[in-house]
């Protein structure tokens, strides 16, 4: 159940949420409580998003949680959808996509 919830929440974050404050958010951990009533979702921010502060992002996540829960109920046909708690983990490490191509086989 935990992996199914994580996949659905991840899909919503990739395309179902339109709040611009959530653009730099990446989900990094997902933990369902033993009783199934709470999901703790760890997230990271891009350096650019983190520089603007985490308060606006946390508020946007809290506002989006009702929508996310309603979508989980519909897509997964759940009678009881767990509460979502978003926990800020830190700044995501910057990746350099061009560095892999340099010196690689061609």
PDB file of N, CA and C in Angstrom:
ATOM      1  N   UNK A   1       0.818  -1.187   0.000  1.00  0.00           N
ATOM      2  CA  UNK A   1       0.000   0.000   0.000  1.00  0.00           C
ATOM      3  C   UNK A   1       0.868   1.260   0.000  1.00  0.00           C
ATOM      4  N   UNK A   2       1.971   1.234   0.763  1.00  0.00           N
ATOM      5  CA  UNK A   2       2.840   2.397   0.852  1.00  0.00           C
ATOM      6  C   UNK A   2       3.426   2.771  -0.505  1.00  0.00           C
ATOM      7  N   UNK A   3       3.888   1.793  -1.266  1.00  0.00           N
ATOM      8  CA  UNK A   3       4.487   2.106  -2.573  1.00  0.00           C
ATOM      9  C   UNK A   3       3.437   2.630  -3.551  1.00  0.00           C
ATOM     10  N   UNK A   4       2.227   2.111  -3.476  1.00  0.00           N
ATOM     11  CA  UNK A   4       1.151   2.591  -4.342  1.00  0.00           C
ATOM     12  C   UNK A   4       0.806   4.035  -4.012  1.00  0.00           C
ATOM     13  N   UNK A   5       0.710   4.357  -2.732  1.00  0.00           N
ATOM     14  CA  UNK A   5       0.453   5.735  -2.321  1.00  0.00           C
ATOM     15  C   UNK A   5       1.567   6.656  -2.804  1.00  0.00           C
ATOM     16  N   UNK A   6       2.813   6.223  -2.628  1.00  0.00           N
ATOM     17  CA  UNK A   6       3.951   7.044  -3.045  1.00  0.00           C
ATOM     18  C   UNK A   6       3.905   7.309  -4.548  1.00  0.00           C
ATOM     19  N   UNK A   7       3.610   6.288  -5.337  1.00  0.00           N
ATOM     20  CA  UNK A   7       3.537   6.468  -6.793  1.00  0.00           C
ATOM     21  C   UNK A   7       2.459   7.471  -7.173  1.00  0.00           C
ATOM     22  N   UNK A   8       1.294   7.377  -6.555  1.00  0.00           N
ATOM     23  CA  UNK A   8       0.196   8.290  -6.871  1.00  0.00           C
ATOM     24  C   UNK A   8       0.524   9.723  -6.467  1.00  0.00           C
ATOM     25  N   UNK A   9       1.094   9.896  -5.285  1.00  0.00           N
ATOM     26  CA  UNK A   9       1.460  11.238  -4.827  1.00  0.00           C
ATOM     27  C   UNK A   9       2.537  11.817  -5.745  1.00  0.00           C
ATOM     28  N   UNK A  10       3.503  11.002  -6.128  1.00  0.00           N
ATOM     29  CA  UNK A  10       4.561  11.459  -7.036  1.00  0.00           C
ATOM     30  C   UNK A  10       3.993  11.905  -8.373  1.00  0.00           C
ATOM     31  N   UNK A  11       3.044  11.144  -8.905  1.00  0.00           N
ATOM     32  CA  UNK A  11       2.407  11.525 -10.172  1.00  0.00           C
ATOM     33  C   UNK A  11       1.687  12.859 -10.042  1.00  0.00           C
ATOM     34  N   UNK A  12       1.004  13.068  -8.951  1.00  0.00           N
ATOM     35  CA  UNK A  12       0.310  14.334  -8.737  1.00  0.00           C
ATOM     36  C   UNK A  12       1.297  15.500  -8.679  1.00  0.00           C
ATOM     37  N   UNK A  13       2.436  15.272  -8.043  1.00  0.00           N
ATOM     38  CA  UNK A  13       3.429  16.344  -7.945  1.00  0.00           C
ATOM     39  C   UNK A  13       4.081  16.631  -9.295  1.00  0.00           C
ATOM     40  N   UNK A  14       4.147  15.642 -10.152  1.00  0.00           N
ATOM     41  CA  UNK A  14       4.749  15.857 -11.479  1.00  0.00           C
ATOM     42  C   UNK A  14       3.834  16.601 -12.427  1.00  0.00           C
ATOM     43  N   UNK A  15       2.515  16.447 -12.261  1.00  0.00           N
ATOM     44  CA  UNK A  15       1.661  17.076 -13.247  1.00  0.00           C
ATOM     45  C   UNK A  15       0.324  17.583 -12.774  1.00  0.00           C
ATOM     46  N   UNK A  16      -0.073  17.267 -11.556  1.00  0.00           N
ATOM     47  CA  UNK A  16      -1.416  17.611 -11.133  1.00  0.00           C
ATOM     48  C   UNK A  16      -1.535  18.850 -10.268  1.00  0.00           C
ATOM     49  N   UNK A  17      -0.415  19.410  -9.842  1.00  0.00           N
ATOM     50  CA  UNK A  17      -0.459  20.580  -8.969  1.00  0.00           C
ATOM     51  C   UNK A  17       0.053  21.798  -9.727  1.00  0.00           C
ATOM     52  N   UNK A  18      -0.716  22.870  -9.678  1.00  0.00           N
ATOM     53  CA  UNK A  18      -0.368  24.034 -10.490  1.00  0.00           C
ATOM     54  C   UNK A  18       0.214  25.194  -9.690  1.00  0.00           C
ATOM     55  N   UNK A  19       0.351  25.061  -8.381  1.00  0.00           N
ATOM     56  CA  UNK A  19       0.873  26.148  -7.566  1.00  0.00           C
ATOM     57  C   UNK A  19       2.344  26.381  -7.906  1.00  0.00           C
ATOM     58  N   UNK A  20       2.706  27.570  -8.370  1.00  0.00           N
ATOM     59  CA  UNK A  20       4.105  27.832  -8.747  1.00  0.00           C
ATOM     60  C   UNK A  20       5.082  27.732  -7.578  1.00  0.00           C
ATOM     61  N   UNK A  21       4.595  27.843  -6.361  1.00  0.00           N
ATOM     62  CA  UNK A  21       5.485  27.721  -5.194  1.00  0.00           C
ATOM     63  C   UNK A  21       6.002  26.295  -5.017  1.00  0.00           C
ATOM     64  N   UNK A  22       5.387  25.335  -5.724  1.00  0.00           N
ATOM     65  CA  UNK A  22       5.782  23.930  -5.586  1.00  0.00           C
ATOM     66  C   UNK A  22       6.726  23.470  -6.698  1.00  0.00           C
ATOM     67  N   UNK A  23       7.148  24.381  -7.562  1.00  0.00           N
ATOM     68  CA  UNK A  23       7.987  23.984  -8.699  1.00  0.00           C
ATOM     69  C   UNK A  23       9.336  23.406  -8.302  1.00  0.00           C
ATOM     70  N   UNK A  24       9.922  23.840  -7.218  1.00  0.00           N
ATOM     71  CA  UNK A  24      11.231  23.336  -6.821  1.00  0.00           C
ATOM     72  C   UNK A  24      11.183  22.194  -5.830  1.00  0.00           C
ATOM     73  N   UNK A  25      10.016  21.593  -5.635  1.00  0.00           N
ATOM     74  CA  UNK A  25       9.836  20.533  -4.637  1.00  0.00           C
ATOM     75  C   UNK A  25      10.084  19.168  -5.262  1.00  0.00           C
ATOM     76  N   UNK A  26      10.882  18.358  -4.575  1.00  0.00           N
ATOM     77  CA  UNK A  26      11.079  16.952  -4.957  1.00  0.00           C
ATOM     78  C   UNK A  26      10.777  16.091  -3.742  1.00  0.00           C
ATOM     79  N   UNK A  27       9.954  15.090  -3.935  1.00  0.00           N
ATOM     80  CA  UNK A  27       9.637  14.177  -2.846  1.00  0.00           C
ATOM     81  C   UNK A  27      10.806  13.222  -2.660  1.00  0.00           C
ATOM     82  N   UNK A  28      11.240  13.057  -1.412  1.00  0.00           N
ATOM     83  CA  UNK A  28      12.422  12.230  -1.188  1.00  0.00           C
ATOM     84  C   UNK A  28      12.195  11.051  -0.252  1.00  0.00           C
ATOM     85  N   UNK A  29      11.157  11.103   0.565  1.00  0.00           N
ATOM     86  CA  UNK A  29      10.877   9.966   1.441  1.00  0.00           C
ATOM     87  C   UNK A  29       9.376   9.890   1.681  1.00  0.00           C
ATOM     88  N   UNK A  30       8.938   8.709   2.059  1.00  0.00           N
ATOM     89  CA  UNK A  30       7.513   8.458   2.196  1.00  0.00           C
ATOM     90  C   UNK A  30       7.345   7.370   3.238  1.00  0.00           C
ATOM     91  N   UNK A  31       6.653   7.686   4.344  1.00  0.00           N
ATOM     92  CA  UNK A  31       6.490   6.704   5.421  1.00  0.00           C
ATOM     93  C   UNK A  31       5.038   6.672   5.879  1.00  0.00           C
ATOM     94  N   UNK A  32       4.424   5.530   5.736  1.00  0.00           N
ATOM     95  CA  UNK A  32       3.052   5.310   6.181  1.00  0.00           C
ATOM     96  C   UNK A  32       3.088   4.792   7.609  1.00  0.00           C
ATOM     97  N   UNK A  33       2.318   5.415   8.495  1.00  0.00           N
ATOM     98  CA  UNK A  33       2.279   4.962   9.893  1.00  0.00           C
ATOM     99  C   UNK A  33       1.687   3.554   9.961  1.00  0.00           C
ATOM    100  N   UNK A  34       2.021   2.800  11.007  1.00  0.00           N
ATOM    101  CA  UNK A  34       1.525   1.423  11.124  1.00  0.00           C
ATOM    102  C   UNK A  34       0.001   1.310  11.079  1.00  0.00           C
ATOM    103  N   UNK A  35      -0.710   2.308  11.613  1.00  0.00           N
ATOM    104  CA  UNK A  35      -2.169   2.240  11.594  1.00  0.00           C
ATOM    105  C   UNK A  35      -2.774   2.780  10.298  1.00  0.00           C
ATOM    106  N   UNK A  36      -1.938   3.288   9.399  1.00  0.00           N
ATOM    107  CA  UNK A  36      -2.400   3.758   8.104  1.00  0.00           C
ATOM    108  C   UNK A  36      -3.107   5.098   8.109  1.00  0.00           C
ATOM    109  N   UNK A  37      -3.038   5.824   9.205  1.00  0.00           N
ATOM    110  CA  UNK A  37      -3.751   7.095   9.306  1.00  0.00           C
ATOM    111  C   UNK A  37      -2.914   8.311   8.930  1.00  0.00           C
ATOM    112  N   UNK A  38      -1.608   8.146   8.845  1.00  0.00           N
ATOM    113  CA  UNK A  38      -0.721   9.282   8.590  1.00  0.00           C
ATOM    114  C   UNK A  38       0.384   8.874   7.624  1.00  0.00           C
ATOM    115  N   UNK A  39       0.668   9.768   6.693  1.00  0.00           N
ATOM    116  CA  UNK A  39       1.805   9.587   5.800  1.00  0.00           C
ATOM    117  C   UNK A  39       2.743  10.757   6.025  1.00  0.00           C
ATOM    118  N   UNK A  40       3.990  10.454   6.306  1.00  0.00           N
ATOM    119  CA  UNK A  40       5.026  11.486   6.418  1.00  0.00           C
ATOM    120  C   UNK A  40       5.781  11.513   5.104  1.00  0.00           C
ATOM    121  N   UNK A  41       5.745  12.676   4.458  1.00  0.00           N
ATOM    122  CA  UNK A  41       6.382  12.827   3.150  1.00  0.00           C
ATOM    123  C   UNK A  41       7.521  13.817   3.294  1.00  0.00           C
ATOM    124  N   UNK A  42       8.736  13.320   3.117  1.00  0.00           N
ATOM    125  CA  UNK A  42       9.901  14.190   3.155  1.00  0.00           C
ATOM    126  C   UNK A  42      10.114  14.813   1.788  1.00  0.00           C
ATOM    127  N   UNK A  43      10.506  16.083   1.783  1.00  0.00           N
ATOM    128  CA  UNK A  43      10.745  16.755   0.511  1.00  0.00           C
ATOM    129  C   UNK A  43      12.002  17.599   0.579  1.00  0.00           C
ATOM    130  N   UNK A  44      12.591  17.795  -0.580  1.00  0.00           N
ATOM    131  CA  UNK A  44      13.740  18.683  -0.719  1.00  0.00           C
ATOM    132  C   UNK A  44      13.369  19.797  -1.684  1.00  0.00           C
ATOM    133  N   UNK A  45      14.178  20.856  -1.653  1.00  0.00           N
ATOM    134  CA  UNK A  45      13.973  21.991  -2.536  1.00  0.00           C
ATOM    135  C   UNK A  45      15.219  22.222  -3.368  1.00  0.00           C
ATOM    136  N   UNK A  46      15.029  22.773  -4.542  1.00  0.00           N
ATOM    137  CA  UNK A  46      16.173  23.206  -5.331  1.00  0.00           C
ATOM    138  C   UNK A  46      16.832  24.368  -4.592  1.00  0.00           C
ATOM    139  N   UNK A  47      18.114  24.620  -4.838  1.00  0.00           N
ATOM    140  CA  UNK A  47      18.762  25.754  -4.171  1.00  0.00           C
ATOM    141  C   UNK A  47      18.027  27.073  -4.412  1.00  0.00           C
ATOM    142  N   UNK A  48      17.491  27.248  -5.617  1.00  0.00           N
ATOM    143  CA  UNK A  48      16.771  28.484  -5.936  1.00  0.00           C
ATOM    144  C   UNK A  48      15.506  28.626  -5.093  1.00  0.00           C
ATOM    145  N   UNK A  49      14.765  27.545  -4.953  1.00  0.00           N
ATOM    146  CA  UNK A  49      13.536  27.574  -4.150  1.00  0.00           C
ATOM    147  C   UNK A  49      13.850  27.760  -2.673  1.00  0.00           C
ATOM    148  N   UNK A  50      14.903  27.111  -2.202  1.00  0.00           N
ATOM    149  CA  UNK A  50      15.275  27.220  -0.795  1.00  0.00           C
ATOM    150  C   UNK A  50      15.727  28.643  -0.457  1.00  0.00           C
ATOM    151  N   UNK A  51      16.340  29.325  -1.416  1.00  0.00           N
ATOM    152  CA  UNK A  51      16.793  30.688  -1.186  1.00  0.00           C
ATOM    153  C   UNK A  51      15.617  31.633  -0.934  1.00  0.00           C
ATOM    154  N   UNK A  52      14.467  31.308  -1.466  1.00  0.00           N
ATOM    155  CA  UNK A  52      13.267  32.126  -1.267  1.00  0.00           C
ATOM    156  C   UNK A  52      12.612  31.855   0.083  1.00  0.00           C
ATOM    157  N   UNK A  53      13.049  30.815   0.773  1.00  0.00           N
ATOM    158  CA  UNK A  53      12.478  30.466   2.068  1.00  0.00           C
ATOM    159  C   UNK A  53      11.544  29.275   1.957  1.00  0.00           C
ATOM    160  N   UNK A  54      11.408  28.567   3.054  1.00  0.00           N
ATOM    161  CA  UNK A  54      10.599  27.349   3.053  1.00  0.00           C
ATOM    162  C   UNK A  54       9.164  27.580   3.506  1.00  0.00           C
ATOM    163  N   UNK A  55       8.891  28.717   4.129  1.00  0.00           N
ATOM    164  CA  UNK A  55       7.550  28.956   4.668  1.00  0.00           C
ATOM    165  C   UNK A  55       6.479  28.940   3.584  1.00  0.00           C
ATOM    166  N   UNK A  56       6.718  29.624   2.472  1.00  0.00           N
ATOM    167  CA  UNK A  56       5.730  29.672   1.384  1.00  0.00           C
ATOM    168  C   UNK A  56       5.501  28.280   0.801  1.00  0.00           C
ATOM    169  N   UNK A  57       6.568  27.502   0.684  1.00  0.00           N
ATOM    170  CA  UNK A  57       6.443  26.145   0.146  1.00  0.00           C
ATOM    171  C   UNK A  57       5.630  25.282   1.106  1.00  0.00           C
ATOM    172  N   UNK A  58       5.927  25.385   2.398  1.00  0.00           N
ATOM    173  CA  UNK A  58       5.197  24.591   3.389  1.00  0.00           C
ATOM    174  C   UNK A  58       3.710  24.952   3.374  1.00  0.00           C
ATOM    175  N   UNK A  59       3.402  26.237   3.249  1.00  0.00           N
ATOM    176  CA  UNK A  59       2.002  26.663   3.176  1.00  0.00           C
ATOM    177  C   UNK A  59       1.327  26.100   1.923  1.00  0.00           C
ATOM    178  N   UNK A  60       2.037  26.130   0.803  1.00  0.00           N
ATOM    179  CA  UNK A  60       1.480  25.587  -0.444  1.00  0.00           C
ATOM    180  C   UNK A  60       1.237  24.086  -0.326  1.00  0.00           C
ATOM    181  N   UNK A  61       2.140  23.371   0.327  1.00  0.00           N
ATOM    182  CA  UNK A  61       1.969  21.929   0.524  1.00  0.00           C
ATOM    183  C   UNK A  61       0.755  21.645   1.408  1.00  0.00           C
ATOM    184  N   UNK A  62       0.598  22.426   2.456  1.00  0.00           N
ATOM    185  CA  UNK A  62      -0.548  22.231   3.341  1.00  0.00           C
ATOM    186  C   UNK A  62      -1.855  22.517   2.605  1.00  0.00           C
ATOM    187  N   UNK A  63      -1.856  23.553   1.768  1.00  0.00           N
ATOM    188  CA  UNK A  63      -3.055  23.867   0.989  1.00  0.00           C
ATOM    189  C   UNK A  63      -3.358  22.767  -0.025  1.00  0.00           C
ATOM    190  N   UNK A  64      -2.322  22.191  -0.606  1.00  0.00           N
ATOM    191  CA  UNK A  64      -2.505  21.155  -1.629  1.00  0.00           C
ATOM    192  C   UNK A  64      -2.877  19.802  -1.035  1.00  0.00           C
ATOM    193  N   UNK A  65      -2.649  19.600   0.254  1.00  0.00           N
ATOM    194  CA  UNK A  65      -2.856  18.272   0.837  1.00  0.00           C
ATOM    195  C   UNK A  65      -4.303  17.793   0.706  1.00  0.00           C
ATOM    196  N   UNK A  66      -5.283  18.675   0.828  1.00  0.00           N
ATOM    197  CA  UNK A  66      -6.682  18.277   0.669  1.00  0.00           C
ATOM    198  C   UNK A  66      -6.966  17.774  -0.736  1.00  0.00           C
ATOM    199  N   UNK A  67      -6.434  18.492  -1.727  1.00  0.00           N
ATOM    200  CA  UNK A  67      -6.601  18.069  -3.120  1.00  0.00           C
ATOM    201  C   UNK A  67      -5.909  16.725  -3.351  1.00  0.00           C
ATOM    202  N   UNK A  68      -4.696  16.588  -2.846  1.00  0.00           N
ATOM    203  CA  UNK A  68      -3.947  15.341  -3.031  1.00  0.00           C
ATOM    204  C   UNK A  68      -4.713  14.180  -2.398  1.00  0.00           C
ATOM    205  N   UNK A  69      -5.232  14.385  -1.205  1.00  0.00           N
ATOM    206  CA  UNK A  69      -6.001  13.329  -0.535  1.00  0.00           C
ATOM    207  C   UNK A  69      -7.248  12.964  -1.326  1.00  0.00           C
ATOM    208  N   UNK A  70      -7.936  13.966  -1.870  1.00  0.00           N
ATOM    209  CA  UNK A  70      -9.147  13.665  -2.645  1.00  0.00           C
ATOM    210  C   UNK A  70      -8.804  12.874  -3.904  1.00  0.00           C
ATOM    211  N   UNK A  71      -7.691  13.204  -4.538  1.00  0.00           N
ATOM    212  CA  UNK A  71      -7.269  12.464  -5.729  1.00  0.00           C
ATOM    213  C   UNK A  71      -6.856  11.035  -5.383  1.00  0.00           C
ATOM    214  N   UNK A  72      -6.209  10.853  -4.241  1.00  0.00           N
ATOM    215  CA  UNK A  72      -5.852   9.498  -3.795  1.00  0.00           C
ATOM    216  C   UNK A  72      -7.106   8.671  -3.562  1.00  0.00           C
ATOM    217  N   UNK A  73      -8.123   9.271  -2.960  1.00  0.00           N
ATOM    218  CA  UNK A  73      -9.375   8.552  -2.698  1.00  0.00           C
ATOM    219  C   UNK A  73     -10.012   8.092  -4.001  1.00  0.00           C
ATOM    220  N   UNK A  74      -9.978   8.948  -5.018  1.00  0.00           N
ATOM    221  CA  UNK A  74     -10.592   8.605  -6.306  1.00  0.00           C
ATOM    222  C   UNK A  74      -9.769   7.558  -7.049  1.00  0.00           C
ATOM    223  N   UNK A  75      -8.460   7.808  -7.177  1.00  0.00           N
ATOM    224  CA  UNK A  75      -7.605   6.929  -7.985  1.00  0.00           C
ATOM    225  C   UNK A  75      -7.372   5.562  -7.358  1.00  0.00           C
ATOM    226  N   UNK A  76      -7.344   5.515  -6.039  1.00  0.00           N
ATOM    227  CA  UNK A  76      -7.049   4.247  -5.362  1.00  0.00           C
ATOM    228  C   UNK A  76      -8.282   3.614  -4.729  1.00  0.00           C
ATOM    229  N   UNK A  77      -9.425   4.266  -4.877  1.00  0.00           N
ATOM    230  CA  UNK A  77     -10.685   3.752  -4.334  1.00  0.00           C
ATOM    231  C   UNK A  77     -10.545   3.423  -2.843  1.00  0.00           C
ATOM    232  N   UNK A  78     -10.042   4.394  -2.093  1.00  0.00           N
ATOM    233  CA  UNK A  78      -9.845   4.208  -0.662  1.00  0.00           C
ATOM    234  C   UNK A  78     -11.029   4.762   0.119  1.00  0.00           C
ATOM    235  N   UNK A  79     -11.428   4.055   1.156  1.00  0.00           N
ATOM    236  CA  UNK A  79     -12.482   4.556   2.040  1.00  0.00           C
ATOM    237  C   UNK A  79     -11.916   5.562   3.027  1.00  0.00           C
ATOM    238  N   UNK A  80     -10.718   5.284   3.499  1.00  0.00           N
ATOM    239  CA  UNK A  80     -10.054   6.188   4.431  1.00  0.00           C
ATOM    240  C   UNK A  80      -8.690   6.561   3.855  1.00  0.00           C
ATOM    241  N   UNK A  81      -8.517   7.835   3.606  1.00  0.00           N
ATOM    242  CA  UNK A  81      -7.252   8.329   3.061  1.00  0.00           C
ATOM    243  C   UNK A  81      -6.440   8.915   4.212  1.00  0.00           C
ATOM    244  N   UNK A  82      -5.174   8.533   4.328  1.00  0.00           N
ATOM    245  CA  UNK A  82      -4.380   9.032   5.450  1.00  0.00           C
ATOM    246  C   UNK A  82      -4.143  10.544   5.368  1.00  0.00           C
ATOM    247  N   UNK A  83      -3.920  11.130   6.529  1.00  0.00           N
ATOM    248  CA  UNK A  83      -3.503  12.527   6.599  1.00  0.00           C
ATOM    249  C   UNK A  83      -2.096  12.618   6.015  1.00  0.00           C
ATOM    250  N   UNK A  84      -1.783  13.753   5.405  1.00  0.00           N
ATOM    251  CA  UNK A  84      -0.466  13.958   4.820  1.00  0.00           C
ATOM    252  C   UNK A  84       0.290  14.986   5.643  1.00  0.00           C
ATOM    253  N   UNK A  85       1.494  14.644   6.039  1.00  0.00           N
ATOM    254  CA  UNK A  85       2.362  15.583   6.753  1.00  0.00           C
ATOM    255  C   UNK A  85       3.649  15.731   5.946  1.00  0.00           C
ATOM    256  N   UNK A  86       3.912  16.953   5.510  1.00  0.00           N
ATOM    257  CA  UNK A  86       5.103  17.233   4.707  1.00  0.00           C
ATOM    258  C   UNK A  86       6.223  17.724   5.609  1.00  0.00           C
ATOM    259  N   UNK A  87       7.394  17.111   5.440  1.00  0.00           N
ATOM    260  CA  UNK A  87       8.544  17.415   6.283  1.00  0.00           C
ATOM    261  C   UNK A  87       9.704  17.849   5.404  1.00  0.00           C
ATOM    262  N   UNK A  88      10.206  19.047   5.663  1.00  0.00           N
ATOM    263  CA  UNK A  88      11.327  19.589   4.899  1.00  0.00           C
ATOM    264  C   UNK A  88      12.614  18.865   5.283  1.00  0.00           C
ATOM    265  N   UNK A  89      13.286  18.288   4.289  1.00  0.00           N
ATOM    266  CA  UNK A  89      14.518  17.534   4.523  1.00  0.00           C
ATOM    267  C   UNK A  89      15.745  18.419   4.321  1.00  0.00           C
ATOM    268  N   UNK A  90      15.746  19.239   3.291  1.00  0.00           N
ATOM    269  CA  UNK A  90      16.885  20.107   3.006  1.00  0.00           C
ATOM    270  C   UNK A  90      16.927  20.474   1.535  1.00  0.00           C
ATOM    271  N   UNK A  91      18.084  20.959   1.140  1.00  0.00           N
ATOM    272  CA  UNK A  91      18.284  21.384  -0.249  1.00  0.00           C
ATOM    273  C   UNK A  91      18.801  20.204  -1.056  1.00  0.00           C
ATOM    274  N   UNK A  92      18.188  19.993  -2.212  1.00  0.00           N
ATOM    275  CA  UNK A  92      18.618  18.905  -3.098  1.00  0.00           C
ATOM    276  C   UNK A  92      19.985  19.247  -3.683  1.00  0.00           C
ATOM    277  N   UNK A  93      20.802  18.225  -3.828  1.00  0.00           N
ATOM    278  CA  UNK A  93      22.109  18.439  -4.452  1.00  0.00           C
ATOM    279  C   UNK A  93      21.923  18.770  -5.915  1.00  0.00           C
ATOM    280  N   UNK A  94      22.716  19.664  -6.378  1.00  0.00           N
ATOM    281  CA  UNK A  94      22.647  20.081  -7.765  1.00  0.00           C
ATOM    282  C   UNK A  94      23.278  19.001  -8.645  1.00  0.00           C
ATOM    283  N   UNK A  95      22.601  18.670  -9.722  1.00  0.00           N
ATOM    284  CA  UNK A  95      23.155  17.698 -10.670  1.00  0.00           C
ATOM    285  C   UNK A  95      23.569  18.439 -11.920  1.00  0.00           C
ATOM    286  N   UNK A  96      24.624  17.988 -12.526  1.00  0.00           N
ATOM    287  CA  UNK A  96      25.151  18.604 -13.742  1.00  0.00           C
ATOM    288  C   UNK A  96      24.928  17.646 -14.905  1.00  0.00           C
ATOM    289  N   UNK A  97      23.827  17.795 -15.654  1.00  0.00           N
ATOM    290  CA  UNK A  97      23.526  16.840 -16.722  1.00  0.00           C
ATOM    291  C   UNK A  97      24.570  16.814 -17.837  1.00  0.00           C
ATOM    292  N   UNK A  98      25.238  17.936 -18.082  1.00  0.00           N
ATOM    293  CA  UNK A  98      26.219  17.974 -19.165  1.00  0.00           C
ATOM    294  C   UNK A  98      27.506  17.249 -18.803  1.00  0.00           C
ATOM    295  N   UNK A  99      27.821  17.117 -17.528  1.00  0.00           N
ATOM    296  CA  UNK A  99      29.092  16.519 -17.130  1.00  0.00           C
ATOM    297  C   UNK A  99      29.165  15.039 -17.474  1.00  0.00           C
ATOM    298  N   UNK A 100      28.034  14.353 -17.565  1.00  0.00           N
ATOM    299  CA  UNK A 100      28.052  12.936 -17.904  1.00  0.00           C
ATOM    300  C   UNK A 100      28.437  12.710 -19.355  1.00  0.00           C
ATOM    301  N   UNK A 101      28.078  13.645 -20.227  1.00  0.00           N
ATOM    302  CA  UNK A 101      28.373  13.486 -21.640  1.00  0.00           C
ATOM    303  C   UNK A 101      29.837  13.740 -21.956  1.00  0.00           C
ATOM    304  N   UNK A 102      30.500  14.554 -21.163  1.00  0.00           N
ATOM    305  CA  UNK A 102      31.902  14.868 -21.440  1.00  0.00           C
ATOM    306  C   UNK A 102      32.765  13.666 -21.111  1.00  0.00           C
ATOM    307  N   UNK A 103      33.579  13.274 -22.018  1.00  0.00           N
ATOM    308  CA  UNK A 103      34.500  12.180 -21.801  1.00  0.00           C
ATOM    309  C   UNK A 103      33.851  10.809 -21.884  1.00  0.00           C
ATOM    310  N   UNK A 104      32.598  10.745 -22.180  1.00  0.00           N
ATOM    311  CA  UNK A 104      31.906   9.463 -22.288  1.00  0.00           C
ATOM    312  C   UNK A 104      32.092   8.858 -23.661  1.00  0.00           C
ATOM    313  N   UNK A 105      31.677   7.616 -23.828  1.00  0.00           N
ATOM    314  CA  UNK A 105      31.773   6.959 -25.131  1.00  0.00           C
ATOM    315  C   UNK A 105      30.821   7.614 -26.116  1.00  0.00           C
ATOM    316  N   UNK A 106      31.281   7.760 -27.342  1.00  0.00           N
ATOM    317  CA  UNK A 106      30.443   8.387 -28.382  1.00  0.00           C
ATOM    318  C   UNK A 106      30.260   7.486 -29.536  1.00  0.00           C
TER     319      UNK A 106
END
